[in-house]
Amino acid sequence: MSNWTSLWYIWLILLTVFLLLLCGITASCIKFCCRKKRPPVETLSRHPYDLTAIAIDSDSTAHSTVT
């Protein structure tokens, strides 16, 4: 069986995987902590909307076209 210290490329792969995992965990923790400190963002706006009502007579051409 070969010596583990001579297999430098396996150590390099393991180190790369470990660093990627560490970066992912760190980024998740930072994102989680920042989300807790910020006030929640409202998704629905509370601006009033203008509504326009159009009255249609029963004798109008628009009413006969719709029905």
Protein backbone atom coordinates (compact mmCIF):
# COMPACT_ATOMS: atom_id res chain seq x y z
CA MET A 1 0.00 0.00 0.00
CA SER A 2 1.31 3.44 -0.90
CA ASN A 3 2.16 6.13 1.59
CA TRP A 4 -0.63 8.72 2.13
CA THR A 5 1.80 11.64 2.25
CA SER A 6 3.03 10.90 -1.25
CA LEU A 7 -0.51 11.16 -2.65
CA TRP A 8 -0.52 14.97 -2.66
CA TYR A 9 -3.36 15.26 -5.17
CA ILE A 10 -5.80 13.47 -2.82
CA TRP A 11 -4.92 15.94 -0.06
CA LEU A 12 -5.44 18.79 -2.52
CA ILE A 13 -8.90 17.48 -3.50
CA LEU A 14 -9.85 16.98 0.16
CA LEU A 15 -8.66 20.49 1.03
CA THR A 16 -10.65 21.98 -1.88
CA VAL A 17 -13.83 20.16 -0.85
CA PHE A 18 -13.35 21.23 2.77
CA LEU A 19 -12.83 24.88 1.80
CA LEU A 20 -15.92 24.88 -0.44
CA LEU A 21 -17.98 23.37 2.35
CA LEU A 22 -16.63 25.92 4.83
CA CYS A 23 -17.41 28.82 2.47
CA GLY A 24 -20.96 27.54 1.96
CA ILE A 25 -21.60 27.20 5.68
CA THR A 26 -20.14 30.66 6.35
CA ALA A 27 -22.26 32.26 3.62
CA SER A 28 -25.40 30.58 4.95
CA CYS A 29 -24.70 31.79 8.48
CA ILE A 30 -24.05 35.36 7.31
CA LYS A 31 -27.24 35.35 5.23
CA PHE A 32 -29.25 33.97 8.16
CA CYS A 33 -27.83 36.53 10.61
CA CYS A 34 -28.45 39.47 8.25
CA ARG A 35 -32.02 38.32 7.64
CA LYS A 36 -32.71 38.23 11.40
CA LYS A 37 -31.34 41.74 12.04
CA ARG A 38 -33.22 43.47 9.19
CA PRO A 39 -36.90 44.33 9.62
CA PRO A 40 -39.15 42.26 7.37
CA VAL A 41 -39.82 43.77 3.97
CA GLU A 42 -43.44 44.30 3.02
CA THR A 43 -44.35 42.58 -0.20
CA LEU A 44 -47.78 44.20 -0.54
CA SER A 45 -47.95 47.93 -1.08
CA ARG A 46 -50.53 49.88 0.86
CA HIS A 47 -51.19 52.54 -1.77
CA PRO A 48 -54.85 53.30 -2.42
CA TYR A 49 -56.08 52.51 -5.89
CA ASP A 50 -58.53 54.60 -7.90
CA LEU A 51 -61.54 52.68 -9.11
CA THR A 52 -63.66 53.85 -11.98
CA ALA A 53 -67.21 52.63 -12.40
CA ILE A 54 -68.96 52.87 -15.75
CA ALA A 55 -72.72 52.79 -15.72
CA ILE A 56 -74.34 51.04 -18.69
CA ASP A 57 -77.98 51.50 -19.61
CA SER A 58 -79.98 48.52 -20.67
CA ASP A 59 -80.68 50.28 -23.99
CA SER A 60 -77.07 51.09 -24.80
CA THR A 61 -75.21 49.32 -27.58
CA ALA A 62 -72.38 48.35 -25.23
CA HIS A 63 -74.79 46.37 -23.04
CA SER A 64 -76.30 44.50 -25.97
CA THR A 65 -72.85 43.71 -27.30
CA VAL A 66 -71.66 42.27 -23.97
CA THR A 67 -74.77 40.15 -23.43
